[in-house]
Amino acid sequence: MRAICIREPGDVDVLEMREVVEPEPGPFEIRVAVRAAGLNRADLLQRRGLYPPPPDAPADIPGLEFAGEVEALGAKATRFQVGEPVMGIVGGGAYAEKVVLHERAAMRVPSGMELAQAAAIPESFMTAFDGLLRQGELKPGERLLVHAVASGVGTAAVQVGRLVGASVLGTSRSADKLARCRVLGLDVALHLEEPRFADEVRHATGGAGVDVVLDLVGGSYLEESVAALAPRGRLVVVGLLAGNLGKLPLGLLLTRRLTIRGTVLRSRPLEEKIELAQAFERQMLPQFESRRLVPVLDEAMSVAEVRRAHQRMEANATLGKIVLTW
C-alpha cells in the first residue's frame, strides 16, 4: 500500500510517498481502507522530530484520525461488517491507504455524511467533548473561554459549548476568523495582538469571569487564563502552541479554589481510548445526524498535496480542519 512517510526530521520536503507493508488486523482489530485523514498540529511536530509516536504506532507514518470503509476483519472482530463506513483516532499511521485499529475504538460515520467531512470529526470533536464535558465538567448556563477558537478543536469546542447551553467566548489573532466563528455560535470574540485578555473577559462577563477555559495555546496564556477564571473555575490545558512554560499566579489558584487539568488523547492506554470513543459515539454522533454539530472543513486536499497542507497549517491560514483525501 502507499503511505506518506517522514524521511527524516525536517521541513515539508521530508514528506514523501512510499510503498509500505500492508498492516494485518489482529484478532479483535479491523483494517480500514482510508479515504480521508485529518491534519493535526501533532503531525507537524512529529515531522520535525519533536513529537515521537507511541510504541504501537508506525515510527515514520504520521496521521491521528481517519475515515474510510472496513476492508477486513480480525478473527474475533464482530462489531462491523466489511464495507461499513467508519472513522476514528489512531496513535499514528493515518496518512496511509490502510490502517488497523481495535474494533471498539472505531466509530460509525454519521448517516449521510461524506467521508472527507467525517475525517474532520474524531480528533477535534473528541478532544472538545472530553476536555469540556468530562474534564472541565461544563454545565448549562456557565461561561466558557476557548483559546485558538478558529482551530479544529476550537471550532468544535464552540459547538459543544453551545450544545450544552453555555455562553462561549473565544480568542484569536485574526479578526476575520473570529467573525466567521460567530456563525458557529461564538458569543464574544476577543481579538488578541498580545496574550492579554483577562480584563476583557471580566468586562464581557460583568466582572464574573468564566467557569471553564479550554487552552490550546499554553505558554504565556497561563497567567491570563487563571486571572480570567471565576471562583471554582476549571482550566483544561490540551495544547502548547506557545510553549510548555508559563507563570502561575498561586494566590488566585488558592483564593478562587481553581482547578487546573492537563489532558492528551494520543498517549492514553487502549482501554481509555475505547471508552472515550464509545461514549462519544453514544452521546455526540446523534448530534451530527441532526446537524446540531457540524465538522468545519477548511479544505480537502489530495494526499499528493500533503506538503502544501502542512505549509498552510504552519502559516496559521486555516479555519477548522484540513483533510487529506486518497
C-alpha atoms as a PDB file:
ATOM      1  CA  MET A   1       0.000   0.000   0.000  1.00  0.00           C
ATOM      2  CA  ARG A   2       1.006   3.640  -0.316  1.00  0.00           C
ATOM      3  CA  ALA A   3       1.693   5.939   2.607  1.00  0.00           C
ATOM      4  CA  ILE A   4       3.047   9.411   3.268  1.00  0.00           C
ATOM      5  CA  CYS A   5       6.256   8.881   5.234  1.00  0.00           C
ATOM      6  CA  ILE A   6       8.708  11.117   7.082  1.00  0.00           C
ATOM      7  CA  ARG A   7      12.147  10.517   5.588  1.00  0.00           C
ATOM      8  CA  GLU A   8      13.913  12.271   8.467  1.00  0.00           C
ATOM      9  CA  PRO A   9      13.066  15.136  10.826  1.00  0.00           C
ATOM     10  CA  GLY A  10      12.784  18.409   8.977  1.00  0.00           C
ATOM     11  CA  ASP A  11      10.758  20.764   6.805  1.00  0.00           C
ATOM     12  CA  VAL A  12       7.923  19.732   4.487  1.00  0.00           C
ATOM     13  CA  ASP A  13      10.307  18.323   1.889  1.00  0.00           C
ATOM     14  CA  VAL A  14      10.929  15.286   4.146  1.00  0.00           C
ATOM     15  CA  LEU A  15       7.368  14.093   3.451  1.00  0.00           C
ATOM     16  CA  GLU A  16       7.328  11.546   0.650  1.00  0.00           C
ATOM     17  CA  MET A  17       5.061   8.864  -0.819  1.00  0.00           C
ATOM     18  CA  ARG A  18       6.301   5.291  -0.394  1.00  0.00           C
ATOM     19  CA  GLU A  19       5.159   1.727  -0.803  1.00  0.00           C
ATOM     20  CA  VAL A  20       4.963   0.121   2.644  1.00  0.00           C
ATOM     21  CA  VAL A  21       3.824  -3.222   4.038  1.00  0.00           C
ATOM     22  CA  GLU A  22       0.056  -3.541   4.380  1.00  0.00           C
ATOM     23  CA  PRO A  23      -0.975  -3.980   8.042  1.00  0.00           C
ATOM     24  CA  GLU A  24      -2.762  -7.151   9.123  1.00  0.00           C
ATOM     25  CA  PRO A  25      -5.567  -6.916  11.689  1.00  0.00           C
ATOM     26  CA  GLY A  26      -5.159  -8.752  14.979  1.00  0.00           C
ATOM     27  CA  PRO A  27      -7.948 -10.928  16.406  1.00  0.00           C
ATOM     28  CA  PHE A  28     -10.119  -8.029  17.635  1.00  0.00           C
ATOM     29  CA  GLU A  29      -8.983  -5.476  15.061  1.00  0.00           C
ATOM     30  CA  ILE A  30     -10.346  -4.226  11.757  1.00  0.00           C
ATOM     31  CA  ARG A  31      -8.460  -2.988   8.710  1.00  0.00           C
ATOM     32  CA  VAL A  32      -9.877   0.157   7.156  1.00  0.00           C
ATOM     33  CA  ALA A  33      -9.372   1.433   3.617  1.00  0.00           C
ATOM     34  CA  VAL A  34      -8.665   5.076   4.407  1.00  0.00           C
ATOM     35  CA  ARG A  35     -10.438   7.591   2.173  1.00  0.00           C
ATOM     36  CA  ALA A  36      -9.537  10.720   4.150  1.00  0.00           C
ATOM     37  CA  ALA A  37      -7.239  11.671   7.022  1.00  0.00           C
ATOM     38  CA  GLY A  38      -7.386  14.798   9.154  1.00  0.00           C
ATOM     39  CA  LEU A  39      -4.347  17.027   9.598  1.00  0.00           C
ATOM     40  CA  ASN A  40      -3.285  17.962  13.140  1.00  0.00           C
ATOM     41  CA  ARG A  41      -0.585  20.061  14.797  1.00  0.00           C
ATOM     42  CA  ALA A  42       0.847  16.833  16.191  1.00  0.00           C
ATOM     43  CA  ASP A  43       1.671  15.775  12.611  1.00  0.00           C
ATOM     44  CA  LEU A  44       3.757  18.921  12.139  1.00  0.00           C
ATOM     45  CA  LEU A  45       5.603  18.314  15.389  1.00  0.00           C
ATOM     46  CA  GLN A  46       6.219  14.665  14.519  1.00  0.00           C
ATOM     47  CA  ARG A  47       7.586  15.688  11.121  1.00  0.00           C
ATOM     48  CA  ARG A  48      10.095  17.920  12.873  1.00  0.00           C
ATOM     49  CA  GLY A  49      11.115  15.169  15.296  1.00  0.00           C
ATOM     50  CA  LEU A  50       9.510  16.892  18.281  1.00  0.00           C
ATOM     51  CA  TYR A  51       6.620  14.512  18.996  1.00  0.00           C
ATOM     52  CA  PRO A  52       7.514  10.835  18.611  1.00  0.00           C
ATOM     53  CA  PRO A  53       4.586   8.419  18.165  1.00  0.00           C
ATOM     54  CA  PRO A  54       3.652   5.859  20.825  1.00  0.00           C
ATOM     55  CA  PRO A  55       5.331   2.424  20.604  1.00  0.00           C
ATOM     56  CA  ASP A  56       2.328   0.757  18.929  1.00  0.00           C
ATOM     57  CA  ALA A  57       2.210   3.279  16.033  1.00  0.00           C
ATOM     58  CA  PRO A  58       4.368   3.440  12.875  1.00  0.00           C
ATOM     59  CA  ALA A  59       7.504   5.461  13.531  1.00  0.00           C
ATOM     60  CA  ASP A  60       7.547   7.249  10.160  1.00  0.00           C
ATOM     61  CA  ILE A  61       3.877   7.488   9.064  1.00  0.00           C
ATOM     62  CA  PRO A  62       2.039  10.413  10.680  1.00  0.00           C
ATOM     63  CA  GLY A  63      -1.709  10.862  10.979  1.00  0.00           C
ATOM     64  CA  LEU A  64      -4.021  10.614  14.011  1.00  0.00           C
ATOM     65  CA  GLU A  65      -7.520  10.430  12.517  1.00  0.00           C
ATOM     66  CA  PHE A  66      -9.217   8.922   9.513  1.00  0.00           C
ATOM     67  CA  ALA A  67     -12.467   7.981   7.808  1.00  0.00           C
ATOM     68  CA  GLY A  68     -12.927   5.074   5.409  1.00  0.00           C
ATOM     69  CA  GLU A  69     -14.565   1.703   4.864  1.00  0.00           C
ATOM     70  CA  VAL A  70     -13.942  -1.533   6.734  1.00  0.00           C
ATOM     71  CA  GLU A  71     -11.901  -3.776   4.445  1.00  0.00           C
ATOM     72  CA  ALA A  72     -11.003  -6.787   6.603  1.00  0.00           C
ATOM     73  CA  LEU A  73     -11.929  -8.253   9.987  1.00  0.00           C
ATOM     74  CA  GLY A  74      -9.727  -9.918  12.559  1.00  0.00           C
ATOM     75  CA  ALA A  75     -10.636 -13.481  13.523  1.00  0.00           C
ATOM     76  CA  LYS A  76     -12.714 -12.351  16.545  1.00  0.00           C
ATOM     77  CA  ALA A  77     -13.937  -8.974  15.306  1.00  0.00           C
ATOM     78  CA  THR A  78     -17.729  -8.796  15.088  1.00  0.00           C
ATOM     79  CA  ARG A  79     -18.716  -5.152  15.612  1.00  0.00           C
ATOM     80  CA  PHE A  80     -18.639  -4.071  11.955  1.00  0.00           C
ATOM     81  CA  GLN A  81     -19.219  -5.631   8.565  1.00  0.00           C
ATOM     82  CA  VAL A  82     -16.903  -5.343   5.579  1.00  0.00           C
ATOM     83  CA  GLY A  83     -17.840  -2.221   3.623  1.00  0.00           C
ATOM     84  CA  GLU A  84     -19.197  -0.232   6.567  1.00  0.00           C
ATOM     85  CA  PRO A  85     -18.031   3.403   6.785  1.00  0.00           C
ATOM     86  CA  VAL A  86     -16.107   4.116   9.986  1.00  0.00           C
ATOM     87  CA  MET A  87     -13.931   6.821  11.491  1.00  0.00           C
ATOM     88  CA  GLY A  88     -11.596   7.020  14.420  1.00  0.00           C
ATOM     89  CA  ILE A  89      -8.377   8.029  16.138  1.00  0.00           C
ATOM     90  CA  VAL A  90      -5.102   6.105  16.000  1.00  0.00           C
ATOM     91  CA  GLY A  91      -1.698   6.690  17.565  1.00  0.00           C
ATOM     92  CA  GLY A  92      -0.244   7.245  14.087  1.00  0.00           C
ATOM     93  CA  GLY A  93      -0.298   5.847  10.574  1.00  0.00           C
ATOM     94  CA  ALA A  94      -3.438   7.521   9.224  1.00  0.00           C
ATOM     95  CA  TYR A  95      -1.542   9.060   6.280  1.00  0.00           C
ATOM     96  CA  ALA A  96      -1.770   5.671   4.570  1.00  0.00           C
ATOM     97  CA  GLU A  97      -4.171   3.854   2.296  1.00  0.00           C
ATOM     98  CA  LYS A  98      -4.972   1.385   5.073  1.00  0.00           C
ATOM     99  CA  VAL A  99      -4.907   1.401   8.848  1.00  0.00           C
ATOM    100  CA  VAL A 100      -5.737  -1.124  11.575  1.00  0.00           C
ATOM    101  CA  LEU A 101      -7.287  -0.476  14.982  1.00  0.00           C
ATOM    102  CA  HIS A 102      -9.284  -2.244  17.664  1.00  0.00           C
ATOM    103  CA  GLU A 103     -12.886  -2.624  16.549  1.00  0.00           C
ATOM    104  CA  ARG A 104     -14.194  -0.965  19.715  1.00  0.00           C
ATOM    105  CA  ALA A 105     -12.064   2.134  19.066  1.00  0.00           C
ATOM    106  CA  ALA A 106     -13.698   2.681  15.673  1.00  0.00           C
ATOM    107  CA  MET A 107     -16.926   4.658  15.334  1.00  0.00           C
ATOM    108  CA  ARG A 108     -19.622   4.587  12.709  1.00  0.00           C
ATOM    109  CA  VAL A 109     -19.815   7.547  10.338  1.00  0.00           C
ATOM    110  CA  PRO A 110     -22.946   9.705  10.795  1.00  0.00           C
ATOM    111  CA  SER A 111     -25.557   8.687   8.246  1.00  0.00           C
ATOM    112  CA  GLY A 112     -25.427  10.659   5.010  1.00  0.00           C
ATOM    113  CA  MET A 113     -22.056  12.242   5.754  1.00  0.00           C
ATOM    114  CA  GLU A 114     -19.245  12.200   3.201  1.00  0.00           C
ATOM    115  CA  LEU A 115     -16.036  10.574   4.362  1.00  0.00           C
ATOM    116  CA  ALA A 116     -13.974  13.734   3.818  1.00  0.00           C
ATOM    117  CA  GLN A 117     -16.242  15.507   6.307  1.00  0.00           C
ATOM    118  CA  ALA A 118     -16.193  12.582   8.715  1.00  0.00           C
ATOM    119  CA  ALA A 119     -12.388  12.663   8.817  1.00  0.00           C
ATOM    120  CA  ALA A 120     -12.636  16.168  10.311  1.00  0.00           C
ATOM    121  CA  ILE A 121     -14.546  14.886  13.344  1.00  0.00           C
ATOM    122  CA  PRO A 122     -12.576  12.441  15.541  1.00  0.00           C
ATOM    123  CA  GLU A 123      -9.577  14.352  16.899  1.00  0.00           C
ATOM    124  CA  SER A 124     -11.219  17.773  17.143  1.00  0.00           C
ATOM    125  CA  PHE A 125     -14.611  16.837  18.484  1.00  0.00           C
ATOM    126  CA  MET A 126     -13.429  14.043  20.770  1.00  0.00           C
ATOM    127  CA  THR A 127     -10.867  16.431  22.276  1.00  0.00           C
ATOM    128  CA  ALA A 128     -13.547  19.087  22.783  1.00  0.00           C
ATOM    129  CA  PHE A 129     -16.043  16.557  24.160  1.00  0.00           C
ATOM    130  CA  ASP A 130     -13.516  15.089  26.581  1.00  0.00           C
ATOM    131  CA  GLY A 131     -11.934  18.399  27.578  1.00  0.00           C
ATOM    132  CA  LEU A 132     -15.168  20.314  28.124  1.00  0.00           C
ATOM    133  CA  LEU A 133     -17.646  17.757  29.417  1.00  0.00           C
ATOM    134  CA  ARG A 134     -15.547  15.062  31.061  1.00  0.00           C
ATOM    135  CA  GLN A 135     -12.515  17.030  32.263  1.00  0.00           C
ATOM    136  CA  GLY A 136     -13.919  20.546  32.588  1.00  0.00           C
ATOM    137  CA  GLU A 137     -17.418  19.465  33.693  1.00  0.00           C
ATOM    138  CA  LEU A 138     -19.019  22.323  31.733  1.00  0.00           C
ATOM    139  CA  LYS A 139     -22.671  22.849  32.705  1.00  0.00           C
ATOM    140  CA  PRO A 140     -25.655  24.651  31.189  1.00  0.00           C
ATOM    141  CA  GLY A 141     -25.597  28.369  31.893  1.00  0.00           C
ATOM    142  CA  GLU A 142     -21.864  28.508  32.543  1.00  0.00           C
ATOM    143  CA  ARG A 143     -19.344  30.636  30.656  1.00  0.00           C
ATOM    144  CA  LEU A 144     -16.633  29.065  28.509  1.00  0.00           C
ATOM    145  CA  LEU A 145     -13.458  30.625  27.104  1.00  0.00           C
ATOM    146  CA  VAL A 146     -11.786  28.861  24.159  1.00  0.00           C
ATOM    147  CA  HIS A 147      -8.296  29.829  23.024  1.00  0.00           C
ATOM    148  CA  ALA A 148      -7.320  29.476  19.342  1.00  0.00           C
ATOM    149  CA  VAL A 149     -11.030  29.340  18.685  1.00  0.00           C
ATOM    150  CA  ALA A 150     -10.650  29.087  14.881  1.00  0.00           C
ATOM    151  CA  SER A 151      -8.613  25.876  15.077  1.00  0.00           C
ATOM    152  CA  GLY A 152     -10.076  22.425  14.542  1.00  0.00           C
ATOM    153  CA  VAL A 153     -10.543  21.811  18.268  1.00  0.00           C
ATOM    154  CA  GLY A 154     -11.602  25.419  18.787  1.00  0.00           C
ATOM    155  CA  THR A 155     -14.418  25.321  16.221  1.00  0.00           C
ATOM    156  CA  ALA A 156     -15.558  22.020  17.717  1.00  0.00           C
ATOM    157  CA  ALA A 157     -15.454  23.443  21.247  1.00  0.00           C
ATOM    158  CA  VAL A 158     -17.671  26.384  20.302  1.00  0.00           C
ATOM    159  CA  GLN A 159     -20.300  23.982  19.049  1.00  0.00           C
ATOM    160  CA  VAL A 160     -20.062  21.596  22.007  1.00  0.00           C
ATOM    161  CA  GLY A 161     -20.286  24.541  24.397  1.00  0.00           C
ATOM    162  CA  ARG A 162     -23.395  25.865  22.696  1.00  0.00           C
ATOM    163  CA  LEU A 163     -24.888  22.385  22.629  1.00  0.00           C
ATOM    164  CA  VAL A 164     -24.519  22.176  26.415  1.00  0.00           C
ATOM    165  CA  GLY A 165     -26.118  25.575  26.860  1.00  0.00           C
ATOM    166  CA  ALA A 166     -23.014  27.561  27.837  1.00  0.00           C
ATOM    167  CA  SER A 167     -22.119  31.032  26.604  1.00  0.00           C
ATOM    168  CA  VAL A 168     -18.874  30.938  24.628  1.00  0.00           C
ATOM    169  CA  LEU A 169     -16.031  33.437  24.432  1.00  0.00           C
ATOM    170  CA  GLY A 170     -13.101  32.840  22.082  1.00  0.00           C
ATOM    171  CA  THR A 171      -9.668  34.259  21.375  1.00  0.00           C
ATOM    172  CA  SER A 172      -7.806  34.553  18.094  1.00  0.00           C
ATOM    173  CA  ARG A 173      -5.161  36.744  16.495  1.00  0.00           C
ATOM    174  CA  SER A 174      -7.370  37.066  13.388  1.00  0.00           C
ATOM    175  CA  ALA A 175     -10.429  39.334  13.367  1.00  0.00           C
ATOM    176  CA  ASP A 176     -11.646  37.677  10.173  1.00  0.00           C
ATOM    177  CA  LYS A 177     -11.536  34.221  11.745  1.00  0.00           C
ATOM    178  CA  LEU A 178     -13.394  35.470  14.808  1.00  0.00           C
ATOM    179  CA  ALA A 179     -16.147  36.888  12.595  1.00  0.00           C
ATOM    180  CA  ARG A 180     -16.507  33.548  10.845  1.00  0.00           C
ATOM    181  CA  CYS A 181     -16.646  31.710  14.185  1.00  0.00           C
ATOM    182  CA  ARG A 182     -19.713  33.720  15.168  1.00  0.00           C
ATOM    183  CA  VAL A 183     -21.672  31.637  12.662  1.00  0.00           C
ATOM    184  CA  LEU A 184     -20.845  28.584  14.776  1.00  0.00           C
ATOM    185  CA  GLY A 185     -22.268  30.189  17.911  1.00  0.00           C
ATOM    186  CA  LEU A 186     -19.394  32.241  19.340  1.00  0.00           C
ATOM    187  CA  ASP A 187     -20.922  34.862  21.650  1.00  0.00           C
ATOM    188  CA  VAL A 188     -17.916  37.051  22.457  1.00  0.00           C
ATOM    189  CA  ALA A 189     -14.911  37.450  20.137  1.00  0.00           C
ATOM    190  CA  LEU A 190     -11.608  38.539  21.683  1.00  0.00           C
ATOM    191  CA  HIS A 191      -9.107  39.744  19.090  1.00  0.00           C
ATOM    192  CA  LEU A 192      -5.605  39.404  20.559  1.00  0.00           C
ATOM    193  CA  GLU A 193      -2.404  41.051  19.458  1.00  0.00           C
ATOM    194  CA  GLU A 194      -0.710  40.155  22.750  1.00  0.00           C
ATOM    195  CA  PRO A 195      -1.599  37.415  25.257  1.00  0.00           C
ATOM    196  CA  ARG A 196      -3.604  39.829  27.415  1.00  0.00           C
ATOM    197  CA  PHE A 197      -7.287  39.074  27.716  1.00  0.00           C
ATOM    198  CA  ALA A 198      -8.306  38.634  31.369  1.00  0.00           C
ATOM    199  CA  ASP A 199      -9.594  42.209  31.725  1.00  0.00           C
ATOM    200  CA  GLU A 200     -11.642  41.876  28.520  1.00  0.00           C
ATOM    201  CA  VAL A 201     -13.095  38.586  29.736  1.00  0.00           C
ATOM    202  CA  ARG A 202     -14.136  40.128  33.041  1.00  0.00           C
ATOM    203  CA  HIS A 203     -15.647  43.121  31.262  1.00  0.00           C
ATOM    204  CA  ALA A 204     -17.599  40.839  28.900  1.00  0.00           C
ATOM    205  CA  THR A 205     -18.907  38.764  31.822  1.00  0.00           C
ATOM    206  CA  GLY A 206     -19.898  41.651  34.071  1.00  0.00           C
ATOM    207  CA  GLY A 207     -16.891  41.069  36.295  1.00  0.00           C
ATOM    208  CA  ALA A 208     -17.710  37.426  36.956  1.00  0.00           C
ATOM    209  CA  GLY A 209     -15.088  35.689  34.834  1.00  0.00           C
ATOM    210  CA  VAL A 210     -15.525  32.353  33.073  1.00  0.00           C
ATOM    211  CA  ASP A 211     -16.211  28.960  34.571  1.00  0.00           C
ATOM    212  CA  VAL A 212     -14.100  26.922  32.132  1.00  0.00           C
ATOM    213  CA  VAL A 213     -11.098  27.753  29.953  1.00  0.00           C
ATOM    214  CA  LEU A 214     -10.121  25.334  27.184  1.00  0.00           C
ATOM    215  CA  ASP A 215      -6.499  26.248  26.470  1.00  0.00           C
ATOM    216  CA  LEU A 216      -4.986  25.091  23.185  1.00  0.00           C
ATOM    217  CA  VAL A 217      -2.079  27.537  23.418  1.00  0.00           C
ATOM    218  CA  GLY A 218      -0.302  27.221  26.774  1.00  0.00           C
ATOM    219  CA  GLY A 219       2.844  29.234  27.442  1.00  0.00           C
ATOM    220  CA  SER A 220       2.194  32.875  28.299  1.00  0.00           C
ATOM    221  CA  TYR A 221      -1.585  32.345  28.183  1.00  0.00           C
ATOM    222  CA  LEU A 222      -1.478  30.513  31.532  1.00  0.00           C
ATOM    223  CA  GLU A 223      -1.332  33.543  33.801  1.00  0.00           C
ATOM    224  CA  GLU A 224      -4.115  35.384  31.984  1.00  0.00           C
ATOM    225  CA  SER A 225      -6.305  32.275  31.814  1.00  0.00           C
ATOM    226  CA  VAL A 226      -6.117  31.830  35.574  1.00  0.00           C
ATOM    227  CA  ALA A 227      -6.928  35.521  36.075  1.00  0.00           C
ATOM    228  CA  ALA A 228      -9.963  35.162  33.787  1.00  0.00           C
ATOM    229  CA  LEU A 229     -11.494  32.331  35.816  1.00  0.00           C
ATOM    230  CA  ALA A 230     -14.414  32.735  38.188  1.00  0.00           C
ATOM    231  CA  PRO A 231     -14.309  31.167  41.670  1.00  0.00           C
ATOM    232  CA  ARG A 232     -14.229  27.366  41.395  1.00  0.00           C
ATOM    233  CA  GLY A 233     -13.295  27.751  37.719  1.00  0.00           C
ATOM    234  CA  ARG A 234     -11.594  24.998  35.734  1.00  0.00           C
ATOM    235  CA  LEU A 235      -8.675  25.389  33.347  1.00  0.00           C
ATOM    236  CA  VAL A 236      -8.184  22.479  30.930  1.00  0.00           C
ATOM    237  CA  VAL A 237      -4.900  22.553  29.006  1.00  0.00           C
ATOM    238  CA  VAL A 238      -4.867  20.488  25.795  1.00  0.00           C
ATOM    239  CA  GLY A 239      -2.278  22.271  23.649  1.00  0.00           C
ATOM    240  CA  LEU A 240       1.072  24.028  23.949  1.00  0.00           C
ATOM    241  CA  LEU A 241       1.402  26.082  20.765  1.00  0.00           C
ATOM    242  CA  ALA A 242       3.014  28.927  22.717  1.00  0.00           C
ATOM    243  CA  GLY A 243       5.354  26.688  24.705  1.00  0.00           C
ATOM    244  CA  ASN A 244       5.337  24.478  27.776  1.00  0.00           C
ATOM    245  CA  LEU A 245       6.296  27.079  30.380  1.00  0.00           C
ATOM    246  CA  GLY A 246       4.027  29.703  31.909  1.00  0.00           C
ATOM    247  CA  LYS A 247       3.610  31.854  35.017  1.00  0.00           C
ATOM    248  CA  LEU A 248       1.076  30.530  37.522  1.00  0.00           C
ATOM    249  CA  PRO A 249      -0.447  33.049  39.983  1.00  0.00           C
ATOM    250  CA  LEU A 250      -0.722  30.764  43.006  1.00  0.00           C
ATOM    251  CA  GLY A 251      -2.612  33.312  45.070  1.00  0.00           C
ATOM    252  CA  LEU A 252      -5.542  33.248  42.644  1.00  0.00           C
ATOM    253  CA  LEU A 253      -5.350  29.468  42.442  1.00  0.00           C
ATOM    254  CA  LEU A 254      -5.873  29.265  46.213  1.00  0.00           C
ATOM    255  CA  THR A 255      -8.329  32.061  46.883  1.00  0.00           C
ATOM    256  CA  ARG A 256     -10.621  31.207  43.973  1.00  0.00           C
ATOM    257  CA  ARG A 257     -10.274  27.448  44.598  1.00  0.00           C
ATOM    258  CA  LEU A 258      -9.418  26.802  40.962  1.00  0.00           C
ATOM    259  CA  THR A 259      -8.732  23.511  39.207  1.00  0.00           C
ATOM    260  CA  ILE A 260      -6.084  23.048  36.504  1.00  0.00           C
ATOM    261  CA  ARG A 261      -6.048  19.867  34.442  1.00  0.00           C
ATOM    262  CA  GLY A 262      -3.841  18.723  31.614  1.00  0.00           C
ATOM    263  CA  THR A 263      -5.023  16.118  29.133  1.00  0.00           C
ATOM    264  CA  VAL A 264      -3.945  14.386  25.931  1.00  0.00           C
ATOM    265  CA  LEU A 265      -5.542  11.639  23.837  1.00  0.00           C
ATOM    266  CA  ARG A 266      -2.654  10.148  21.898  1.00  0.00           C
ATOM    267  CA  SER A 267      -0.736   8.531  24.757  1.00  0.00           C
ATOM    268  CA  ARG A 268      -3.697   7.112  26.671  1.00  0.00           C
ATOM    269  CA  PRO A 269      -3.969   3.348  27.212  1.00  0.00           C
ATOM    270  CA  LEU A 270      -6.085   1.484  24.668  1.00  0.00           C
ATOM    271  CA  GLU A 271      -8.961   0.821  27.063  1.00  0.00           C
ATOM    272  CA  GLU A 272      -9.255   4.514  27.876  1.00  0.00           C
ATOM    273  CA  LYS A 273      -9.329   5.374  24.173  1.00  0.00           C
ATOM    274  CA  ILE A 274     -12.011   2.746  23.603  1.00  0.00           C
ATOM    275  CA  GLU A 275     -14.134   4.036  26.487  1.00  0.00           C
ATOM    276  CA  LEU A 276     -13.913   7.595  25.140  1.00  0.00           C
ATOM    277  CA  ALA A 277     -14.748   6.528  21.578  1.00  0.00           C
ATOM    278  CA  GLN A 278     -17.807   4.614  22.707  1.00  0.00           C
ATOM    279  CA  ALA A 279     -19.021   7.453  24.945  1.00  0.00           C
ATOM    280  CA  PHE A 280     -18.542   9.911  22.081  1.00  0.00           C
ATOM    281  CA  GLU A 281     -20.407   7.653  19.670  1.00  0.00           C
ATOM    282  CA  ARG A 282     -23.364   7.336  22.045  1.00  0.00           C
ATOM    283  CA  GLN A 283     -23.637  10.965  23.047  1.00  0.00           C
ATOM    284  CA  MET A 284     -22.313  13.022  20.151  1.00  0.00           C
ATOM    285  CA  LEU A 285     -22.920  11.176  16.886  1.00  0.00           C
ATOM    286  CA  PRO A 286     -26.698  11.727  17.021  1.00  0.00           C
ATOM    287  CA  GLN A 287     -25.949  15.452  17.180  1.00  0.00           C
ATOM    288  CA  PHE A 288     -24.149  15.262  13.837  1.00  0.00           C
ATOM    289  CA  GLU A 289     -27.065  13.421  12.287  1.00  0.00           C
ATOM    290  CA  SER A 290     -29.429  16.151  13.488  1.00  0.00           C
ATOM    291  CA  ARG A 291     -26.942  18.815  12.265  1.00  0.00           C
ATOM    292  CA  ARG A 292     -26.643  20.371  15.718  1.00  0.00           C
ATOM    293  CA  LEU A 293     -22.929  19.660  15.323  1.00  0.00           C
ATOM    294  CA  VAL A 294     -21.104  20.044  12.006  1.00  0.00           C
ATOM    295  CA  PRO A 295     -17.484  19.332  11.062  1.00  0.00           C
ATOM    296  CA  VAL A 296     -15.723  22.509   9.977  1.00  0.00           C
ATOM    297  CA  LEU A 297     -13.696  21.706   6.872  1.00  0.00           C
ATOM    298  CA  ASP A 298     -11.150  24.328   5.853  1.00  0.00           C
ATOM    299  CA  GLU A 299     -10.020  22.431   2.751  1.00  0.00           C
ATOM    300  CA  ALA A 300      -9.908  18.890   1.380  1.00  0.00           C
ATOM    301  CA  MET A 301      -6.633  18.249  -0.427  1.00  0.00           C
ATOM    302  CA  SER A 302      -5.255  15.238  -2.243  1.00  0.00           C
ATOM    303  CA  VAL A 303      -2.552  13.368  -0.322  1.00  0.00           C
ATOM    304  CA  ALA A 304      -0.279  14.448  -3.181  1.00  0.00           C
ATOM    305  CA  GLU A 305      -0.597  17.974  -1.743  1.00  0.00           C
ATOM    306  CA  VAL A 306       0.499  16.969   1.760  1.00  0.00           C
ATOM    307  CA  ARG A 307       3.430  19.391   1.731  1.00  0.00           C
ATOM    308  CA  ARG A 308       1.159  22.304   0.870  1.00  0.00           C
ATOM    309  CA  ALA A 309      -1.258  21.167   3.569  1.00  0.00           C
ATOM    310  CA  HIS A 310       1.481  21.270   6.210  1.00  0.00           C
ATOM    311  CA  GLN A 311       2.601  24.695   4.993  1.00  0.00           C
ATOM    312  CA  ARG A 312      -0.946  26.039   5.173  1.00  0.00           C
ATOM    313  CA  MET A 313      -1.354  24.858   8.763  1.00  0.00           C
ATOM    314  CA  GLU A 314       2.063  26.186   9.780  1.00  0.00           C
ATOM    315  CA  ALA A 315       1.110  29.578   8.348  1.00  0.00           C
ATOM    316  CA  ASN A 316      -2.000  29.621  10.585  1.00  0.00           C
ATOM    317  CA  ALA A 317      -4.105  30.161   7.490  1.00  0.00           C
ATOM    318  CA  THR A 318      -6.779  27.618   8.382  1.00  0.00           C
ATOM    319  CA  LEU A 319     -10.215  27.819   9.937  1.00  0.00           C
ATOM    320  CA  GLY A 320     -11.277  24.378  11.083  1.00  0.00           C
ATOM    321  CA  LYS A 321      -9.710  21.236   9.628  1.00  0.00           C
ATOM    322  CA  ILE A 322      -7.582  20.329   6.633  1.00  0.00           C
ATOM    323  CA  VAL A 323      -8.323  16.823   5.338  1.00  0.00           C
ATOM    324  CA  LEU A 324      -6.116  14.730   3.036  1.00  0.00           C
ATOM    325  CA  THR A 325      -8.016  12.511   0.599  1.00  0.00           C
ATOM    326  CA  TRP A 326      -6.979   9.399  -1.375  1.00  0.00           C
END
